[in-house]
Amino acid sequence: IMAASTVDIPAITLNGGPMLDGWHENE
């Protein structure tokens, strides 16, 4: 986003997403 502001061409971000929930011994 810092770079998009500096250059100022149309820009959109796409997050790759978080991992699935982690579980250890039902916790």
mmCIF file of all heavy atoms, coordinates in Angstrom:
data_MODEL
# 
_entry.id   MODEL 
# 
loop_
_atom_site.group_PDB 
_atom_site.id 
_atom_site.type_symbol 
_atom_site.label_atom_id 
_atom_site.label_alt_id 
_atom_site.label_comp_id 
_atom_site.label_asym_id 
_atom_site.label_entity_id 
_atom_site.label_seq_id 
_atom_site.pdbx_PDB_ins_code 
_atom_site.Cartn_x 
_atom_site.Cartn_y 
_atom_site.Cartn_z 
_atom_site.occupancy 
_atom_site.B_iso_or_equiv 
_atom_site.pdbx_formal_charge 
_atom_site.auth_seq_id 
_atom_site.auth_comp_id 
_atom_site.auth_asym_id 
_atom_site.auth_atom_id 
_atom_site.pdbx_PDB_model_num 
ATOM 1   N N   . ILE A 1 1  ? 0.830   -1.207  0.000   1.00 0.00 ? 1  ILE A N   1 
ATOM 2   C CA  . ILE A 1 1  ? 0.000   0.000   0.000   1.00 0.00 ? 1  ILE A CA  1 
ATOM 3   C C   . ILE A 1 1  ? 0.861   1.252   0.000   1.00 0.00 ? 1  ILE A C   1 
ATOM 4   O O   . ILE A 1 1  ? 0.533   2.257   -0.654  1.00 0.00 ? 1  ILE A O   1 
ATOM 5   C CB  . ILE A 1 1  ? -0.976  -0.034  1.194   1.00 0.00 ? 1  ILE A CB  1 
ATOM 6   C CG1 . ILE A 1 1  ? -1.997  -1.165  0.994   1.00 0.00 ? 1  ILE A CG1 1 
ATOM 7   C CG2 . ILE A 1 1  ? -1.689  1.313   1.351   1.00 0.00 ? 1  ILE A CG2 1 
ATOM 8   C CD1 . ILE A 1 1  ? -2.956  -1.352  2.149   1.00 0.00 ? 1  ILE A CD1 1 
ATOM 9   N N   . MET A 1 2  ? 1.986   1.222   0.702   1.00 0.00 ? 2  MET A N   1 
ATOM 10  C CA  . MET A 1 2  ? 2.911   2.353   0.652   1.00 0.00 ? 2  MET A CA  1 
ATOM 11  C C   . MET A 1 2  ? 3.378   2.614   -0.776  1.00 0.00 ? 2  MET A C   1 
ATOM 12  O O   . MET A 1 2  ? 3.401   3.759   -1.247  1.00 0.00 ? 2  MET A O   1 
ATOM 13  C CB  . MET A 1 2  ? 4.116   2.076   1.556   1.00 0.00 ? 2  MET A CB  1 
ATOM 14  C CG  . MET A 1 2  ? 3.818   2.130   3.047   1.00 0.00 ? 2  MET A CG  1 
ATOM 15  S SD  . MET A 1 2  ? 4.974   1.146   4.072   1.00 0.00 ? 2  MET A SD  1 
ATOM 16  C CE  . MET A 1 2  ? 6.549   1.896   3.643   1.00 0.00 ? 2  MET A CE  1 
ATOM 17  N N   . ALA A 1 3  ? 3.723   1.547   -1.497  1.00 0.00 ? 3  ALA A N   1 
ATOM 18  C CA  . ALA A 1 3  ? 4.182   1.701   -2.879  1.00 0.00 ? 3  ALA A CA  1 
ATOM 19  C C   . ALA A 1 3  ? 3.063   2.183   -3.788  1.00 0.00 ? 3  ALA A C   1 
ATOM 20  O O   . ALA A 1 3  ? 3.267   3.031   -4.666  1.00 0.00 ? 3  ALA A O   1 
ATOM 21  C CB  . ALA A 1 3  ? 4.750   0.371   -3.384  1.00 0.00 ? 3  ALA A CB  1 
ATOM 22  N N   . ALA A 1 4  ? 1.856   1.633   -3.588  1.00 0.00 ? 4  ALA A N   1 
ATOM 23  C CA  . ALA A 1 4  ? 0.723   2.059   -4.409  1.00 0.00 ? 4  ALA A CA  1 
ATOM 24  C C   . ALA A 1 4  ? 0.449   3.542   -4.236  1.00 0.00 ? 4  ALA A C   1 
ATOM 25  O O   . ALA A 1 4  ? 0.109   4.240   -5.195  1.00 0.00 ? 4  ALA A O   1 
ATOM 26  C CB  . ALA A 1 4  ? -0.517  1.240   -4.041  1.00 0.00 ? 4  ALA A CB  1 
ATOM 27  N N   . SER A 1 5  ? 0.622   4.046   -3.009  1.00 0.00 ? 5  SER A N   1 
ATOM 28  C CA  . SER A 1 5  ? 0.419   5.480   -2.774  1.00 0.00 ? 5  SER A CA  1 
ATOM 29  C C   . SER A 1 5  ? 1.491   6.313   -3.454  1.00 0.00 ? 5  SER A C   1 
ATOM 30  O O   . SER A 1 5  ? 1.200   7.360   -4.035  1.00 0.00 ? 5  SER A O   1 
ATOM 31  C CB  . SER A 1 5  ? 0.439   5.766   -1.270  1.00 0.00 ? 5  SER A CB  1 
ATOM 32  O OG  . SER A 1 5  ? -0.751  5.356   -0.665  1.00 0.00 ? 5  SER A OG  1 
ATOM 33  N N   . THR A 1 6  ? 2.734   5.859   -3.381  1.00 0.00 ? 6  THR A N   1 
ATOM 34  C CA  . THR A 1 6  ? 3.823   6.630   -3.975  1.00 0.00 ? 6  THR A CA  1 
ATOM 35  C C   . THR A 1 6  ? 3.644   6.772   -5.480  1.00 0.00 ? 6  THR A C   1 
ATOM 36  O O   . THR A 1 6  ? 3.792   7.860   -6.043  1.00 0.00 ? 6  THR A O   1 
ATOM 37  C CB  . THR A 1 6  ? 5.174   5.964   -3.659  1.00 0.00 ? 6  THR A CB  1 
ATOM 38  O OG1 . THR A 1 6  ? 5.401   6.022   -2.256  1.00 0.00 ? 6  THR A OG1 1 
ATOM 39  C CG2 . THR A 1 6  ? 6.323   6.668   -4.383  1.00 0.00 ? 6  THR A CG2 1 
ATOM 40  N N   . VAL A 1 7  ? 3.323   5.674   -6.147  1.00 0.00 ? 7  VAL A N   1 
ATOM 41  C CA  . VAL A 1 7  ? 3.178   5.706   -7.610  1.00 0.00 ? 7  VAL A CA  1 
ATOM 42  C C   . VAL A 1 7  ? 1.794   6.191   -8.006  1.00 0.00 ? 7  VAL A C   1 
ATOM 43  O O   . VAL A 1 7  ? 1.630   6.913   -8.986  1.00 0.00 ? 7  VAL A O   1 
ATOM 44  C CB  . VAL A 1 7  ? 3.467   4.310   -8.201  1.00 0.00 ? 7  VAL A CB  1 
ATOM 45  C CG1 . VAL A 1 7  ? 3.363   4.330   -9.722  1.00 0.00 ? 7  VAL A CG1 1 
ATOM 46  C CG2 . VAL A 1 7  ? 4.857   3.848   -7.779  1.00 0.00 ? 7  VAL A CG2 1 
ATOM 47  N N   . ASP A 1 8  ? 0.772   5.786   -7.247  1.00 0.00 ? 8  ASP A N   1 
ATOM 48  C CA  . ASP A 1 8  ? -0.620  6.202   -7.450  1.00 0.00 ? 8  ASP A CA  1 
ATOM 49  C C   . ASP A 1 8  ? -1.184  5.766   -8.795  1.00 0.00 ? 8  ASP A C   1 
ATOM 50  O O   . ASP A 1 8  ? -1.697  6.569   -9.571  1.00 0.00 ? 8  ASP A O   1 
ATOM 51  C CB  . ASP A 1 8  ? -0.769  7.720   -7.274  1.00 0.00 ? 8  ASP A CB  1 
ATOM 52  C CG  . ASP A 1 8  ? -2.216  8.111   -6.955  1.00 0.00 ? 8  ASP A CG  1 
ATOM 53  O OD1 . ASP A 1 8  ? -2.889  7.334   -6.266  1.00 0.00 ? 8  ASP A OD1 1 
ATOM 54  O OD2 . ASP A 1 8  ? -2.663  9.187   -7.408  1.00 0.00 ? 8  ASP A OD2 1 
ATOM 55  N N   . ILE A 1 9  ? -1.067  4.463   -9.056  1.00 0.00 ? 9  ILE A N   1 
ATOM 56  C CA  . ILE A 1 9  ? -1.863  3.860   -10.119 1.00 0.00 ? 9  ILE A CA  1 
ATOM 57  C C   . ILE A 1 9  ? -2.964  3.048   -9.445  1.00 0.00 ? 9  ILE A C   1 
ATOM 58  O O   . ILE A 1 9  ? -2.841  2.691   -8.265  1.00 0.00 ? 9  ILE A O   1 
ATOM 59  C CB  . ILE A 1 9  ? -1.020  2.960   -11.049 1.00 0.00 ? 9  ILE A CB  1 
ATOM 60  C CG1 . ILE A 1 9  ? -0.411  1.781   -10.271 1.00 0.00 ? 9  ILE A CG1 1 
ATOM 61  C CG2 . ILE A 1 9  ? 0.043   3.775   -11.767 1.00 0.00 ? 9  ILE A CG2 1 
ATOM 62  C CD1 . ILE A 1 9  ? 0.275   0.763   -11.176 1.00 0.00 ? 9  ILE A CD1 1 
ATOM 63  N N   . PRO A 1 10 ? -4.068  2.757   -10.136 1.00 0.00 ? 10 PRO A N   1 
ATOM 64  C CA  . PRO A 1 10 ? -5.128  1.962   -9.526  1.00 0.00 ? 10 PRO A CA  1 
ATOM 65  C C   . PRO A 1 10 ? -4.567  0.672   -8.930  1.00 0.00 ? 10 PRO A C   1 
ATOM 66  O O   . PRO A 1 10 ? -3.777  -0.023  -9.569  1.00 0.00 ? 10 PRO A O   1 
ATOM 67  C CB  . PRO A 1 10 ? -6.078  1.687   -10.690 1.00 0.00 ? 10 PRO A CB  1 
ATOM 68  C CG  . PRO A 1 10 ? -5.897  2.878   -11.588 1.00 0.00 ? 10 PRO A CG  1 
ATOM 69  C CD  . PRO A 1 10 ? -4.437  3.200   -11.507 1.00 0.00 ? 10 PRO A CD  1 
ATOM 70  N N   . ALA A 1 11 ? -4.963  0.364   -7.694  1.00 0.00 ? 11 ALA A N   1 
ATOM 71  C CA  . ALA A 1 11 ? -4.391  -0.768  -6.976  1.00 0.00 ? 11 ALA A CA  1 
ATOM 72  C C   . ALA A 1 11 ? -5.443  -1.395  -6.082  1.00 0.00 ? 11 ALA A C   1 
ATOM 73  O O   . ALA A 1 11 ? -6.344  -0.718  -5.576  1.00 0.00 ? 11 ALA A O   1 
ATOM 74  C CB  . ALA A 1 11 ? -3.188  -0.314  -6.138  1.00 0.00 ? 11 ALA A CB  1 
ATOM 75  N N   . ILE A 1 12 ? -5.308  -2.699  -5.872  1.00 0.00 ? 12 ILE A N   1 
ATOM 76  C CA  . ILE A 1 12 ? -6.212  -3.443  -4.999  1.00 0.00 ? 12 ILE A CA  1 
ATOM 77  C C   . ILE A 1 12 ? -5.395  -4.546  -4.338  1.00 0.00 ? 12 ILE A C   1 
ATOM 78  O O   . ILE A 1 12 ? -4.503  -5.125  -4.959  1.00 0.00 ? 12 ILE A O   1 
ATOM 79  C CB  . ILE A 1 12 ? -7.399  -4.024  -5.804  1.00 0.00 ? 12 ILE A CB  1 
ATOM 80  C CG1 . ILE A 1 12 ? -8.430  -4.689  -4.888  1.00 0.00 ? 12 ILE A CG1 1 
ATOM 81  C CG2 . ILE A 1 12 ? -6.930  -4.986  -6.886  1.00 0.00 ? 12 ILE A CG2 1 
ATOM 82  C CD1 . ILE A 1 12 ? -9.727  -5.053  -5.615  1.00 0.00 ? 12 ILE A CD1 1 
ATOM 83  N N   . THR A 1 13 ? -5.664  -4.821  -3.064  1.00 0.00 ? 13 THR A N   1 
ATOM 84  C CA  . THR A 1 13 ? -4.925  -5.876  -2.372  1.00 0.00 ? 13 THR A CA  1 
ATOM 85  C C   . THR A 1 13 ? -5.744  -7.161  -2.330  1.00 0.00 ? 13 THR A C   1 
ATOM 86  O O   . THR A 1 13 ? -6.973  -7.131  -2.253  1.00 0.00 ? 13 THR A O   1 
ATOM 87  C CB  . THR A 1 13 ? -4.553  -5.472  -0.932  1.00 0.00 ? 13 THR A CB  1 
ATOM 88  O OG1 . THR A 1 13 ? -5.735  -5.377  -0.129  1.00 0.00 ? 13 THR A OG1 1 
ATOM 89  C CG2 . THR A 1 13 ? -3.796  -4.159  -0.917  1.00 0.00 ? 13 THR A CG2 1 
ATOM 90  N N   . LEU A 1 14 ? -5.044  -8.274  -2.372  1.00 0.00 ? 14 LEU A N   1 
ATOM 91  C CA  . LEU A 1 14 ? -5.646  -9.593  -2.218  1.00 0.00 ? 14 LEU A CA  1 
ATOM 92  C C   . LEU A 1 14 ? -4.866  -10.358 -1.167  1.00 0.00 ? 14 LEU A C   1 
ATOM 93  O O   . LEU A 1 14 ? -3.691  -10.677 -1.367  1.00 0.00 ? 14 LEU A O   1 
ATOM 94  C CB  . LEU A 1 14 ? -5.641  -10.384 -3.527  1.00 0.00 ? 14 LEU A CB  1 
ATOM 95  C CG  . LEU A 1 14 ? -6.147  -11.818 -3.370  1.00 0.00 ? 14 LEU A CG  1 
ATOM 96  C CD1 . LEU A 1 14 ? -7.659  -11.849 -3.178  1.00 0.00 ? 14 LEU A CD1 1 
ATOM 97  C CD2 . LEU A 1 14 ? -5.733  -12.684 -4.552  1.00 0.00 ? 14 LEU A CD2 1 
ATOM 98  N N   . ASN A 1 15 ? -5.509  -10.654 -0.052  1.00 0.00 ? 15 ASN A N   1 
ATOM 99  C CA  . ASN A 1 15 ? -4.905  -11.439 1.010   1.00 0.00 ? 15 ASN A CA  1 
ATOM 100 C C   . ASN A 1 15 ? -4.922  -12.918 0.630   1.00 0.00 ? 15 ASN A C   1 
ATOM 101 O O   . ASN A 1 15 ? -5.890  -13.412 0.055   1.00 0.00 ? 15 ASN A O   1 
ATOM 102 C CB  . ASN A 1 15 ? -5.737  -11.192 2.284   1.00 0.00 ? 15 ASN A CB  1 
ATOM 103 C CG  . ASN A 1 15 ? -5.328  -12.036 3.453   1.00 0.00 ? 15 ASN A CG  1 
ATOM 104 O OD1 . ASN A 1 15 ? -4.206  -12.523 3.513   1.00 0.00 ? 15 ASN A OD1 1 
ATOM 105 N ND2 . ASN A 1 15 ? -6.231  -12.194 4.392   1.00 0.00 ? 15 ASN A ND2 1 
ATOM 106 N N   . GLY A 1 16 ? -3.837  -13.644 0.968   1.00 0.00 ? 16 GLY A N   1 
ATOM 107 C CA  . GLY A 1 16 ? -3.804  -15.082 0.717   1.00 0.00 ? 16 GLY A CA  1 
ATOM 108 C C   . GLY A 1 16 ? -4.600  -15.890 1.717   1.00 0.00 ? 16 GLY A C   1 
ATOM 109 O O   . GLY A 1 16 ? -4.902  -17.057 1.486   1.00 0.00 ? 16 GLY A O   1 
ATOM 110 N N   . GLY A 1 17 ? -4.943  -15.287 2.858   1.00 0.00 ? 17 GLY A N   1 
ATOM 111 C CA  . GLY A 1 17 ? -5.794  -15.932 3.836   1.00 0.00 ? 17 GLY A CA  1 
ATOM 112 C C   . GLY A 1 17 ? -5.038  -16.605 4.966   1.00 0.00 ? 17 GLY A C   1 
ATOM 113 O O   . GLY A 1 17 ? -3.911  -17.059 4.801   1.00 0.00 ? 17 GLY A O   1 
ATOM 114 N N   . PRO A 1 18 ? -5.683  -16.685 6.127   1.00 0.00 ? 18 PRO A N   1 
ATOM 115 C CA  . PRO A 1 18 ? -5.075  -17.360 7.272   1.00 0.00 ? 18 PRO A CA  1 
ATOM 116 C C   . PRO A 1 18 ? -5.140  -18.876 7.143   1.00 0.00 ? 18 PRO A C   1 
ATOM 117 O O   . PRO A 1 18 ? -5.898  -19.421 6.337   1.00 0.00 ? 18 PRO A O   1 
ATOM 118 C CB  . PRO A 1 18 ? -5.927  -16.879 8.449   1.00 0.00 ? 18 PRO A CB  1 
ATOM 119 C CG  . PRO A 1 18 ? -7.261  -16.591 7.848   1.00 0.00 ? 18 PRO A CG  1 
ATOM 120 C CD  . PRO A 1 18 ? -6.984  -16.078 6.459   1.00 0.00 ? 18 PRO A CD  1 
ATOM 121 N N   . MET A 1 19 ? -4.362  -19.553 7.973   1.00 0.00 ? 19 MET A N   1 
ATOM 122 C CA  . MET A 1 19 ? -4.420  -21.001 8.058   1.00 0.00 ? 19 MET A CA  1 
ATOM 123 C C   . MET A 1 19 ? -5.747  -21.447 8.680   1.00 0.00 ? 19 MET A C   1 
ATOM 124 O O   . MET A 1 19 ? -6.462  -20.654 9.301   1.00 0.00 ? 19 MET A O   1 
ATOM 125 C CB  . MET A 1 19 ? -3.269  -21.528 8.917   1.00 0.00 ? 19 MET A CB  1 
ATOM 126 C CG  . MET A 1 19 ? -1.897  -21.319 8.325   1.00 0.00 ? 19 MET A CG  1 
ATOM 127 S SD  . MET A 1 19 ? -0.577  -22.000 9.362   1.00 0.00 ? 19 MET A SD  1 
ATOM 128 C CE  . MET A 1 19 ? -0.528  -20.811 10.695  1.00 0.00 ? 19 MET A CE  1 
ATOM 129 N N   . LEU A 1 20 ? -6.062  -22.716 8.522   1.00 0.00 ? 20 LEU A N   1 
ATOM 130 C CA  . LEU A 1 20 ? -7.166  -23.299 9.255   1.00 0.00 ? 20 LEU A CA  1 
ATOM 131 C C   . LEU A 1 20 ? -6.861  -23.259 10.748  1.00 0.00 ? 20 LEU A C   1 
ATOM 132 O O   . LEU A 1 20 ? -5.703  -23.117 11.156  1.00 0.00 ? 20 LEU A O   1 
ATOM 133 C CB  . LEU A 1 20 ? -7.390  -24.745 8.809   1.00 0.00 ? 20 LEU A CB  1 
ATOM 134 C CG  . LEU A 1 20 ? -7.726  -24.962 7.328   1.00 0.00 ? 20 LEU A CG  1 
ATOM 135 C CD1 . LEU A 1 20 ? -7.835  -26.458 7.033   1.00 0.00 ? 20 LEU A CD1 1 
ATOM 136 C CD2 . LEU A 1 20 ? -9.011  -24.241 6.941   1.00 0.00 ? 20 LEU A CD2 1 
ATOM 137 N N   . ASP A 1 21 ? -7.886  -23.407 11.559  1.00 0.00 ? 21 ASP A N   1 
ATOM 138 C CA  . ASP A 1 21 ? -7.692  -23.405 13.008  1.00 0.00 ? 21 ASP A CA  1 
ATOM 139 C C   . ASP A 1 21 ? -6.765  -24.545 13.427  1.00 0.00 ? 21 ASP A C   1 
ATOM 140 O O   . ASP A 1 21 ? -6.879  -25.667 12.924  1.00 0.00 ? 21 ASP A O   1 
ATOM 141 C CB  . ASP A 1 21 ? -9.026  -23.574 13.733  1.00 0.00 ? 21 ASP A CB  1 
ATOM 142 C CG  . ASP A 1 21 ? -9.909  -22.345 13.628  1.00 0.00 ? 21 ASP A CG  1 
ATOM 143 O OD1 . ASP A 1 21 ? -9.471  -21.351 13.013  1.00 0.00 ? 21 ASP A OD1 1 
ATOM 144 O OD2 . ASP A 1 21 ? -11.034 -22.395 14.155  1.00 0.00 ? 21 ASP A OD2 1 
ATOM 145 N N   . GLY A 1 22 ? -5.867  -24.251 14.365  1.00 0.00 ? 22 GLY A N   1 
ATOM 146 C CA  . GLY A 1 22 ? -4.979  -25.266 14.902  1.00 0.00 ? 22 GLY A CA  1 
ATOM 147 C C   . GLY A 1 22 ? -5.574  -25.915 16.148  1.00 0.00 ? 22 GLY A C   1 
ATOM 148 O O   . GLY A 1 22 ? -6.183  -25.245 16.983  1.00 0.00 ? 22 GLY A O   1 
ATOM 149 N N   . TRP A 1 23 ? -5.394  -27.223 16.263  1.00 0.00 ? 23 TRP A N   1 
ATOM 150 C CA  . TRP A 1 23 ? -5.905  -27.971 17.417  1.00 0.00 ? 23 TRP A CA  1 
ATOM 151 C C   . TRP A 1 23 ? -4.802  -28.856 17.981  1.00 0.00 ? 23 TRP A C   1 
ATOM 152 O O   . TRP A 1 23 ? -4.089  -29.518 17.237  1.00 0.00 ? 23 TRP A O   1 
ATOM 153 C CB  . TRP A 1 23 ? -7.101  -28.843 17.025  1.00 0.00 ? 23 TRP A CB  1 
ATOM 154 C CG  . TRP A 1 23 ? -8.326  -28.071 16.660  1.00 0.00 ? 23 TRP A CG  1 
ATOM 155 C CD1 . TRP A 1 23 ? -8.669  -27.626 15.411  1.00 0.00 ? 23 TRP A CD1 1 
ATOM 156 C CD2 . TRP A 1 23 ? -9.359  -27.643 17.546  1.00 0.00 ? 23 TRP A CD2 1 
ATOM 157 N NE1 . TRP A 1 23 ? -9.856  -26.935 15.470  1.00 0.00 ? 23 TRP A NE1 1 
ATOM 158 C CE2 . TRP A 1 23 ? -10.307 -26.935 16.770  1.00 0.00 ? 23 TRP A CE2 1 
ATOM 159 C CE3 . TRP A 1 23 ? -9.563  -27.776 18.916  1.00 0.00 ? 23 TRP A CE3 1 
ATOM 160 C CZ2 . TRP A 1 23 ? -11.447 -26.372 17.326  1.00 0.00 ? 23 TRP A CZ2 1 
ATOM 161 C CZ3 . TRP A 1 23 ? -10.716 -27.210 19.475  1.00 0.00 ? 23 TRP A CZ3 1 
ATOM 162 C CH2 . TRP A 1 23 ? -11.638 -26.522 18.692  1.00 0.00 ? 23 TRP A CH2 1 
ATOM 163 N N   . HIS A 1 24 ? -4.699  -28.869 19.308  1.00 0.00 ? 24 HIS A N   1 
ATOM 164 C CA  . HIS A 1 24 ? -3.757  -29.768 19.988  1.00 0.00 ? 24 HIS A CA  1 
ATOM 165 C C   . HIS A 1 24 ? -4.494  -30.391 21.170  1.00 0.00 ? 24 HIS A C   1 
ATOM 166 O O   . HIS A 1 24 ? -4.862  -29.702 22.122  1.00 0.00 ? 24 HIS A O   1 
ATOM 167 C CB  . HIS A 1 24 ? -2.532  -28.992 20.476  1.00 0.00 ? 24 HIS A CB  1 
ATOM 168 C CG  . HIS A 1 24 ? -1.557  -29.825 21.241  1.00 0.00 ? 24 HIS A CG  1 
ATOM 169 N ND1 . HIS A 1 24 ? -0.668  -30.673 20.624  1.00 0.00 ? 24 HIS A ND1 1 
ATOM 170 C CD2 . HIS A 1 24 ? -1.330  -29.952 22.585  1.00 0.00 ? 24 HIS A CD2 1 
ATOM 171 C CE1 . HIS A 1 24 ? 0.070   -31.277 21.539  1.00 0.00 ? 24 HIS A CE1 1 
ATOM 172 N NE2 . HIS A 1 24 ? -0.313  -30.864 22.746  1.00 0.00 ? 24 HIS A NE2 1 
ATOM 173 N N   . GLU A 1 25 ? -4.737  -31.708 21.054  1.00 0.00 ? 25 GLU A N   1 
ATOM 174 C CA  . GLU A 1 25 ? -5.429  -32.443 22.117  1.00 0.00 ? 25 GLU A CA  1 
ATOM 175 C C   . GLU A 1 25 ? -6.726  -31.740 22.515  1.00 0.00 ? 25 GLU A C   1 
ATOM 176 O O   . GLU A 1 25 ? -6.979  -31.443 23.685  1.00 0.00 ? 25 GLU A O   1 
ATOM 177 C CB  . GLU A 1 25 ? -4.503  -32.640 23.317  1.00 0.00 ? 25 GLU A CB  1 
ATOM 178 C CG  . GLU A 1 25 ? -3.277  -33.485 22.987  1.00 0.00 ? 25 GLU A CG  1 
ATOM 179 C CD  . GLU A 1 25 ? -2.355  -33.671 24.185  1.00 0.00 ? 25 GLU A CD  1 
ATOM 180 O OE1 . GLU A 1 25 ? -2.618  -33.071 25.247  1.00 0.00 ? 25 GLU A OE1 1 
ATOM 181 O OE2 . GLU A 1 25 ? -1.369  -34.426 24.028  1.00 0.00 ? 25 GLU A OE2 1 
ATOM 182 N N   . ASN A 1 26 ? -7.547  -31.445 21.476  1.00 0.00 ? 26 ASN A N   1 
ATOM 183 C CA  . ASN A 1 26 ? -8.872  -30.839 21.654  1.00 0.00 ? 26 ASN A CA  1 
ATOM 184 C C   . ASN A 1 26 ? -8.836  -29.410 22.198  1.00 0.00 ? 26 ASN A C   1 
ATOM 185 O O   . ASN A 1 26 ? -9.846  -28.900 22.686  1.00 0.00 ? 26 ASN A O   1 
ATOM 186 C CB  . ASN A 1 26 ? -9.757  -31.711 22.561  1.00 0.00 ? 26 ASN A CB  1 
ATOM 187 C CG  . ASN A 1 26 ? -10.041 -33.062 21.950  1.00 0.00 ? 26 ASN A CG  1 
ATOM 188 O OD1 . ASN A 1 26 ? -10.324 -33.164 20.762  1.00 0.00 ? 26 ASN A OD1 1 
ATOM 189 N ND2 . ASN A 1 26 ? -9.962  -34.115 22.757  1.00 0.00 ? 26 ASN A ND2 1 
ATOM 190 N N   . GLU A 1 27 ? -7.686  -28.773 22.102  1.00 0.00 ? 27 GLU A N   1 
ATOM 191 C CA  . GLU A 1 27 ? -7.550  -27.377 22.515  1.00 0.00 ? 27 GLU A CA  1 
ATOM 192 C C   . GLU A 1 27 ? -7.153  -26.542 21.308  1.00 0.00 ? 27 GLU A C   1 
ATOM 193 O O   . GLU A 1 27 ? -6.272  -26.914 20.535  1.00 0.00 ? 27 GLU A O   1 
ATOM 194 C CB  . GLU A 1 27 ? -6.476  -27.261 23.599  1.00 0.00 ? 27 GLU A CB  1 
ATOM 195 C CG  . GLU A 1 27 ? -6.166  -25.827 24.010  1.00 0.00 ? 27 GLU A CG  1 
ATOM 196 C CD  . GLU A 1 27 ? -4.940  -25.706 24.898  1.00 0.00 ? 27 GLU A CD  1 
ATOM 197 O OE1 . GLU A 1 27 ? -4.312  -26.751 25.210  1.00 0.00 ? 27 GLU A OE1 1 
ATOM 198 O OE2 . GLU A 1 27 ? -4.582  -24.572 25.262  1.00 0.00 ? 27 GLU A OE2 1 
# 
